């Protein structure tokens, strides 16, 4: 596997590293399995250190855009402010206007 700074390949390495760590910590695993997993874990850690952080290419921007869109979908509209007397006056004015127009049309 070639690491060139892409988020996908780093994510794959991290997933493999977590899987190997779980094998090492598994009490049911045999000694050769644990040794093999430990060796592979050390090799993957070295590759992750060598890869460093992504170089700021388009994938970073796409990831941030996706995260922003997800947050926008989650956020609810702000709650309405507590009603004050102007809201009631507005409603009353609309009702009076409606009644007056109906009275004039009859």
C-alpha atoms as a PDB file:
ATOM      1  CA  UNK A   1       0.000   0.000   0.000  1.00  0.00           C
ATOM      2  CA  UNK A   2       1.386   3.388  -0.952  1.00  0.00           C
ATOM      3  CA  UNK A   3       0.858   6.336   1.365  1.00  0.00           C
ATOM      4  CA  UNK A   4       0.827   9.676  -0.379  1.00  0.00           C
ATOM      5  CA  UNK A   5      -1.029  11.759   2.201  1.00  0.00           C
ATOM      6  CA  UNK A   6      -4.604  10.907   1.238  1.00  0.00           C
ATOM      7  CA  UNK A   7      -7.106  10.789   4.048  1.00  0.00           C
ATOM      8  CA  UNK A   8      -8.540   7.474   2.868  1.00  0.00           C
ATOM      9  CA  UNK A   9      -5.239   5.631   3.081  1.00  0.00           C
ATOM     10  CA  UNK A  10      -4.452   7.106   6.496  1.00  0.00           C
ATOM     11  CA  UNK A  11      -7.904   6.129   7.689  1.00  0.00           C
ATOM     12  CA  UNK A  12      -7.350   2.588   6.419  1.00  0.00           C
ATOM     13  CA  UNK A  13      -4.034   2.376   8.257  1.00  0.00           C
ATOM     14  CA  UNK A  14      -5.645   3.589  11.466  1.00  0.00           C
ATOM     15  CA  UNK A  15      -8.449   1.027  11.151  1.00  0.00           C
ATOM     16  CA  UNK A  16      -5.914  -1.759  10.627  1.00  0.00           C
ATOM     17  CA  UNK A  17      -3.928  -0.523  13.601  1.00  0.00           C
ATOM     18  CA  UNK A  18      -7.030  -0.642  15.830  1.00  0.00           C
ATOM     19  CA  UNK A  19      -7.800  -4.170  14.605  1.00  0.00           C
ATOM     20  CA  UNK A  20      -4.278  -5.329  15.381  1.00  0.00           C
ATOM     21  CA  UNK A  21      -4.406  -3.727  18.816  1.00  0.00           C
ATOM     22  CA  UNK A  22      -7.593  -5.617  19.569  1.00  0.00           C
ATOM     23  CA  UNK A  23      -5.888  -8.898  18.584  1.00  0.00           C
ATOM     24  CA  UNK A  24      -2.972  -8.131  20.884  1.00  0.00           C
ATOM     25  CA  UNK A  25      -5.329  -7.388  23.793  1.00  0.00           C
ATOM     26  CA  UNK A  26      -7.565 -10.426  23.128  1.00  0.00           C
ATOM     27  CA  UNK A  27      -7.051 -13.018  25.876  1.00  0.00           C
ATOM     28  CA  UNK A  28      -8.183 -15.837  23.554  1.00  0.00           C
ATOM     29  CA  UNK A  29      -5.502 -15.157  20.942  1.00  0.00           C
ATOM     30  CA  UNK A  30      -2.553 -17.552  20.743  1.00  0.00           C
ATOM     31  CA  UNK A  31       1.021 -16.460  21.361  1.00  0.00           C
ATOM     32  CA  UNK A  32       2.019 -16.584  17.655  1.00  0.00           C
ATOM     33  CA  UNK A  33      -1.066 -14.525  16.697  1.00  0.00           C
ATOM     34  CA  UNK A  34      -0.176 -11.923  19.318  1.00  0.00           C
ATOM     35  CA  UNK A  35       3.450 -11.779  18.180  1.00  0.00           C
ATOM     36  CA  UNK A  36       2.410 -11.420  14.543  1.00  0.00           C
ATOM     37  CA  UNK A  37      -0.111  -8.702  15.411  1.00  0.00           C
ATOM     38  CA  UNK A  38       2.471  -6.846  17.511  1.00  0.00           C
ATOM     39  CA  UNK A  39       4.984  -6.908  14.638  1.00  0.00           C
ATOM     40  CA  UNK A  40       2.406  -5.668  12.141  1.00  0.00           C
ATOM     41  CA  UNK A  41       1.259  -3.002  14.611  1.00  0.00           C
ATOM     42  CA  UNK A  42       4.787  -1.617  14.962  1.00  0.00           C
ATOM     43  CA  UNK A  43       5.217  -1.594  11.169  1.00  0.00           C
ATOM     44  CA  UNK A  44       1.922   0.275  10.663  1.00  0.00           C
ATOM     45  CA  UNK A  45       2.807   2.813  13.367  1.00  0.00           C
ATOM     46  CA  UNK A  46       6.055   3.547  11.535  1.00  0.00           C
ATOM     47  CA  UNK A  47       4.170   4.038   8.260  1.00  0.00           C
ATOM     48  CA  UNK A  48       1.718   6.407   9.946  1.00  0.00           C
ATOM     49  CA  UNK A  49       4.555   8.483  11.384  1.00  0.00           C
ATOM     50  CA  UNK A  50       6.203   8.624   7.966  1.00  0.00           C
ATOM     51  CA  UNK A  51       2.960   9.684   6.270  1.00  0.00           C
ATOM     52  CA  UNK A  52       2.384  12.713   8.544  1.00  0.00           C
ATOM     53  CA  UNK A  53      -0.651  14.915   8.039  1.00  0.00           C
ATOM     54  CA  UNK A  54      -2.345  15.404   4.641  1.00  0.00           C
ATOM     55  CA  UNK A  55      -0.842  18.147   2.544  1.00  0.00           C
ATOM     56  CA  UNK A  56      -3.885  20.386   2.292  1.00  0.00           C
ATOM     57  CA  UNK A  57      -5.178  19.060  -1.006  1.00  0.00           C
ATOM     58  CA  UNK A  58      -8.791  19.038  -2.224  1.00  0.00           C
ATOM     59  CA  UNK A  59      -9.725  16.072  -0.004  1.00  0.00           C
ATOM     60  CA  UNK A  60      -9.267  18.211   3.116  1.00  0.00           C
ATOM     61  CA  UNK A  61     -11.648  20.817   1.754  1.00  0.00           C
ATOM     62  CA  UNK A  62     -14.173  18.160   0.750  1.00  0.00           C
ATOM     63  CA  UNK A  63     -14.016  16.647   4.233  1.00  0.00           C
ATOM     64  CA  UNK A  64     -14.562  20.028   5.899  1.00  0.00           C
ATOM     65  CA  UNK A  65     -17.423  20.833   3.524  1.00  0.00           C
ATOM     66  CA  UNK A  66     -19.089  17.523   4.356  1.00  0.00           C
ATOM     67  CA  UNK A  67     -18.695  18.120   8.081  1.00  0.00           C
ATOM     68  CA  UNK A  68     -20.134  21.650   7.714  1.00  0.00           C
ATOM     69  CA  UNK A  69     -23.120  20.326   5.734  1.00  0.00           C
ATOM     70  CA  UNK A  70     -23.758  17.658   8.341  1.00  0.00           C
ATOM     71  CA  UNK A  71     -23.754  20.254  11.116  1.00  0.00           C
ATOM     72  CA  UNK A  72     -26.098  22.490   9.120  1.00  0.00           C
ATOM     73  CA  UNK A  73     -28.540  19.605   8.778  1.00  0.00           C
ATOM     74  CA  UNK A  74     -28.442  18.937  12.525  1.00  0.00           C
ATOM     75  CA  UNK A  75     -28.932  22.496  13.676  1.00  0.00           C
ATOM     76  CA  UNK A  76     -32.494  23.455  14.410  1.00  0.00           C
ATOM     77  CA  UNK A  77     -33.964  26.841  13.721  1.00  0.00           C
ATOM     78  CA  UNK A  78     -33.679  29.147  16.709  1.00  0.00           C
ATOM     79  CA  UNK A  79     -36.612  29.194  19.055  1.00  0.00           C
ATOM     80  CA  UNK A  80     -39.024  32.067  18.654  1.00  0.00           C
ATOM     81  CA  UNK A  81     -38.505  34.926  21.030  1.00  0.00           C
ATOM     82  CA  UNK A  82     -40.925  35.286  23.857  1.00  0.00           C
ATOM     83  CA  UNK A  83     -44.039  37.067  22.616  1.00  0.00           C
ATOM     84  CA  UNK A  84     -44.499  40.628  23.756  1.00  0.00           C
ATOM     85  CA  UNK A  85     -47.413  43.072  23.495  1.00  0.00           C
ATOM     86  CA  UNK A  86     -46.582  44.050  19.892  1.00  0.00           C
ATOM     87  CA  UNK A  87     -47.338  40.528  18.655  1.00  0.00           C
ATOM     88  CA  UNK A  88     -50.731  40.621  20.322  1.00  0.00           C
ATOM     89  CA  UNK A  89     -51.417  44.107  18.972  1.00  0.00           C
ATOM     90  CA  UNK A  90     -50.543  42.939  15.469  1.00  0.00           C
ATOM     91  CA  UNK A  91     -52.904  39.967  15.714  1.00  0.00           C
ATOM     92  CA  UNK A  92     -55.660  42.170  17.119  1.00  0.00           C
ATOM     93  CA  UNK A  93     -55.168  44.681  14.282  1.00  0.00           C
ATOM     94  CA  UNK A  94     -55.413  41.941  11.679  1.00  0.00           C
ATOM     95  CA  UNK A  95     -58.624  40.610  13.252  1.00  0.00           C
ATOM     96  CA  UNK A  96     -60.167  44.091  13.401  1.00  0.00           C
ATOM     97  CA  UNK A  97     -59.183  44.780   9.778  1.00  0.00           C
ATOM     98  CA  UNK A  98     -60.692  41.469   8.653  1.00  0.00           C
ATOM     99  CA  UNK A  99     -63.896  42.187  10.565  1.00  0.00           C
ATOM    100  CA  UNK A 100     -64.112  45.754   9.221  1.00  0.00           C
ATOM    101  CA  UNK A 101     -63.614  44.576   5.610  1.00  0.00           C
ATOM    102  CA  UNK A 102     -66.265  41.901   6.083  1.00  0.00           C
ATOM    103  CA  UNK A 103     -68.671  44.444   7.633  1.00  0.00           C
ATOM    104  CA  UNK A 104     -68.135  46.871   4.705  1.00  0.00           C
ATOM    105  CA  UNK A 105     -68.657  44.173   2.084  1.00  0.00           C
ATOM    106  CA  UNK A 106     -72.103  43.178   3.512  1.00  0.00           C
END
